[in-house]
Amino acid sequence: MTTFVGDDDSVPCQVVINKAGQYSIWPPQRPVPDGWEPVGFEGSRGDCIAYIDEVWADPTAIAASGT
């Protein structure tokens, strides 16, 4: 099993989102935590981060709004 830590961009991941609209990556072999849902995108860590960069236009807007 691959360890899900560090900066290894080849590690398999999935993209998840919470009700506040925040995105994150999560190991596909682990259950998704409560409050998070898969968005349907899986790939390498690097691919998932690139996907989040593409779809989450302004992550600071959520943080600034207090949600």
N, C-alpha and C. Protein backbone atom coordinates (compact mmCIF):
# COMPACT_ATOMS: atom_id res chain seq x y z
N MET A 1 0.84 -1.18 0.00
CA MET A 1 0.00 0.00 0.00
C MET A 1 0.89 1.24 0.00
N THR A 2 0.50 2.23 -0.77
CA THR A 2 1.24 3.47 -0.87
C THR A 2 0.91 4.38 0.31
N THR A 3 1.92 5.03 0.84
CA THR A 3 1.71 5.97 1.93
C THR A 3 1.23 7.29 1.36
N PHE A 4 0.23 7.87 1.99
CA PHE A 4 -0.36 9.12 1.51
C PHE A 4 0.21 10.30 2.28
N VAL A 5 1.46 10.60 2.04
CA VAL A 5 2.11 11.75 2.68
C VAL A 5 3.14 12.31 1.72
N GLY A 6 3.60 13.49 2.03
CA GLY A 6 4.69 14.07 1.28
C GLY A 6 4.28 14.71 -0.02
N ASP A 7 5.24 14.86 -0.90
CA ASP A 7 5.04 15.57 -2.15
C ASP A 7 5.14 14.67 -3.37
N ASP A 8 4.93 13.36 -3.19
CA ASP A 8 5.00 12.43 -4.31
C ASP A 8 3.78 12.61 -5.20
N ASP A 9 3.96 13.26 -6.36
CA ASP A 9 2.84 13.55 -7.25
C ASP A 9 2.28 12.33 -7.96
N SER A 10 2.92 11.16 -7.81
CA SER A 10 2.43 9.96 -8.47
C SER A 10 1.46 9.15 -7.60
N VAL A 11 1.29 9.54 -6.33
CA VAL A 11 0.41 8.81 -5.42
C VAL A 11 -1.03 8.92 -5.91
N PRO A 12 -1.77 7.80 -5.98
CA PRO A 12 -3.17 7.85 -6.40
C PRO A 12 -4.03 8.63 -5.40
N CYS A 13 -4.92 9.47 -5.91
CA CYS A 13 -5.79 10.30 -5.08
C CYS A 13 -7.15 10.44 -5.74
N GLN A 14 -8.09 10.94 -4.97
CA GLN A 14 -9.37 11.38 -5.51
C GLN A 14 -9.64 12.78 -4.98
N VAL A 15 -10.45 13.53 -5.71
CA VAL A 15 -10.81 14.88 -5.28
C VAL A 15 -12.13 14.78 -4.51
N VAL A 16 -12.17 15.47 -3.37
CA VAL A 16 -13.38 15.51 -2.55
C VAL A 16 -13.75 16.97 -2.30
N ILE A 17 -15.03 17.19 -1.94
CA ILE A 17 -15.53 18.53 -1.66
C ILE A 17 -16.42 18.48 -0.43
N ASN A 18 -16.43 19.58 0.33
CA ASN A 18 -17.32 19.64 1.49
C ASN A 18 -18.47 20.61 1.20
N LYS A 19 -19.39 20.74 2.15
CA LYS A 19 -20.58 21.58 1.94
C LYS A 19 -20.24 23.06 1.81
N ALA A 20 -19.09 23.46 2.30
CA ALA A 20 -18.66 24.85 2.16
C ALA A 20 -18.04 25.12 0.79
N GLY A 21 -17.92 24.08 -0.04
CA GLY A 21 -17.34 24.24 -1.36
C GLY A 21 -15.83 24.18 -1.39
N GLN A 22 -15.23 23.67 -0.32
CA GLN A 22 -13.78 23.54 -0.25
C GLN A 22 -13.37 22.19 -0.84
N TYR A 23 -12.31 22.19 -1.62
CA TYR A 23 -11.80 20.97 -2.25
C TYR A 23 -10.60 20.45 -1.48
N SER A 24 -10.38 19.14 -1.60
CA SER A 24 -9.20 18.52 -1.03
C SER A 24 -8.92 17.24 -1.81
N ILE A 25 -7.78 16.61 -1.50
CA ILE A 25 -7.48 15.31 -2.07
C ILE A 25 -7.54 14.27 -0.97
N TRP A 26 -7.85 13.03 -1.35
CA TRP A 26 -8.02 11.97 -0.37
C TRP A 26 -7.61 10.65 -1.02
N PRO A 27 -7.02 9.74 -0.24
CA PRO A 27 -6.65 8.44 -0.80
C PRO A 27 -7.90 7.65 -1.21
N PRO A 28 -7.94 7.13 -2.43
CA PRO A 28 -9.14 6.43 -2.89
C PRO A 28 -9.42 5.13 -2.14
N GLN A 29 -8.42 4.54 -1.50
CA GLN A 29 -8.62 3.28 -0.80
C GLN A 29 -9.15 3.48 0.62
N ARG A 30 -9.26 4.72 1.07
CA ARG A 30 -9.76 5.01 2.42
C ARG A 30 -11.18 5.59 2.34
N PRO A 31 -12.00 5.31 3.35
CA PRO A 31 -13.35 5.91 3.37
C PRO A 31 -13.25 7.44 3.44
N VAL A 32 -14.13 8.11 2.71
CA VAL A 32 -14.16 9.57 2.73
C VAL A 32 -14.74 10.02 4.07
N PRO A 33 -14.11 10.99 4.73
CA PRO A 33 -14.59 11.45 6.04
C PRO A 33 -15.99 12.06 5.96
N ASP A 34 -16.70 12.03 7.09
CA ASP A 34 -18.01 12.67 7.16
C ASP A 34 -17.90 14.13 6.76
N GLY A 35 -18.87 14.60 6.01
CA GLY A 35 -18.89 15.98 5.58
C GLY A 35 -18.20 16.23 4.25
N TRP A 36 -17.58 15.20 3.70
CA TRP A 36 -16.90 15.30 2.40
C TRP A 36 -17.52 14.31 1.43
N GLU A 37 -17.51 14.65 0.13
CA GLU A 37 -18.03 13.77 -0.91
C GLU A 37 -17.06 13.75 -2.08
N PRO A 38 -16.88 12.59 -2.71
CA PRO A 38 -16.07 12.54 -3.93
C PRO A 38 -16.74 13.35 -5.04
N VAL A 39 -15.94 14.01 -5.85
CA VAL A 39 -16.49 14.75 -6.99
C VAL A 39 -16.47 13.92 -8.27
N GLY A 40 -15.85 12.75 -8.21
CA GLY A 40 -15.80 11.88 -9.38
C GLY A 40 -14.50 11.97 -10.17
N PHE A 41 -13.51 12.68 -9.65
CA PHE A 41 -12.22 12.77 -10.33
C PHE A 41 -11.18 12.01 -9.52
N GLU A 42 -10.51 11.08 -10.18
CA GLU A 42 -9.39 10.35 -9.57
C GLU A 42 -8.20 10.40 -10.50
N GLY A 43 -7.03 10.35 -9.93
CA GLY A 43 -5.80 10.34 -10.71
C GLY A 43 -4.62 10.41 -9.77
N SER A 44 -3.49 10.81 -10.32
CA SER A 44 -2.31 10.99 -9.47
C SER A 44 -2.52 12.23 -8.60
N ARG A 45 -1.71 12.35 -7.56
CA ARG A 45 -1.79 13.53 -6.69
C ARG A 45 -1.65 14.80 -7.53
N GLY A 46 -0.69 14.80 -8.43
CA GLY A 46 -0.47 15.96 -9.30
C GLY A 46 -1.66 16.27 -10.17
N ASP A 47 -2.28 15.23 -10.75
CA ASP A 47 -3.48 15.43 -11.58
C ASP A 47 -4.63 16.00 -10.76
N CYS A 48 -4.80 15.48 -9.54
CA CYS A 48 -5.89 15.95 -8.68
C CYS A 48 -5.68 17.40 -8.26
N ILE A 49 -4.45 17.76 -7.94
CA ILE A 49 -4.16 19.15 -7.58
C ILE A 49 -4.40 20.07 -8.79
N ALA A 50 -4.01 19.63 -9.98
CA ALA A 50 -4.25 20.42 -11.18
C ALA A 50 -5.75 20.58 -11.43
N TYR A 51 -6.53 19.52 -11.19
CA TYR A 51 -7.98 19.58 -11.35
C TYR A 51 -8.57 20.61 -10.38
N ILE A 52 -8.14 20.56 -9.12
CA ILE A 52 -8.64 21.51 -8.12
C ILE A 52 -8.27 22.94 -8.53
N ASP A 53 -7.05 23.15 -9.00
CA ASP A 53 -6.63 24.48 -9.45
C ASP A 53 -7.52 24.99 -10.58
N GLU A 54 -8.00 24.07 -11.42
CA GLU A 54 -8.84 24.44 -12.56
C GLU A 54 -10.27 24.78 -12.14
N VAL A 55 -10.85 23.99 -11.24
CA VAL A 55 -12.27 24.16 -10.91
C VAL A 55 -12.52 25.09 -9.73
N TRP A 56 -11.55 25.26 -8.84
CA TRP A 56 -11.73 26.10 -7.66
C TRP A 56 -11.08 27.44 -7.96
N ALA A 57 -11.82 28.31 -8.62
CA ALA A 57 -11.27 29.55 -9.16
C ALA A 57 -10.68 30.47 -8.09
N ASP A 58 -11.35 30.60 -6.94
CA ASP A 58 -10.88 31.52 -5.92
C ASP A 58 -11.07 30.94 -4.53
N PRO A 59 -10.13 30.09 -4.07
CA PRO A 59 -10.28 29.48 -2.75
C PRO A 59 -10.29 30.49 -1.61
N THR A 60 -9.75 31.68 -1.82
CA THR A 60 -9.75 32.68 -0.75
C THR A 60 -11.13 33.28 -0.53
N ALA A 61 -12.02 33.20 -1.52
CA ALA A 61 -13.36 33.77 -1.37
C ALA A 61 -14.13 33.07 -0.27
N ILE A 62 -14.00 31.75 -0.17
CA ILE A 62 -14.69 31.00 0.87
C ILE A 62 -14.10 31.35 2.23
N ALA A 63 -12.79 31.39 2.32
CA ALA A 63 -12.15 31.71 3.60
C ALA A 63 -12.51 33.12 4.05
N ALA A 64 -12.57 34.05 3.14
CA ALA A 64 -12.88 35.43 3.48
C ALA A 64 -14.33 35.61 3.90
N SER A 65 -15.22 34.76 3.37
CA SER A 65 -16.64 34.89 3.69
C SER A 65 -16.98 34.29 5.04
N GLY A 66 -16.03 33.51 5.60
CA GLY A 66 -16.27 32.93 6.91
C GLY A 66 -17.03 31.63 6.89
N THR A 67 -17.21 31.03 5.71
CA THR A 67 -17.89 29.73 5.63
C THR A 67 -16.91 28.62 5.48
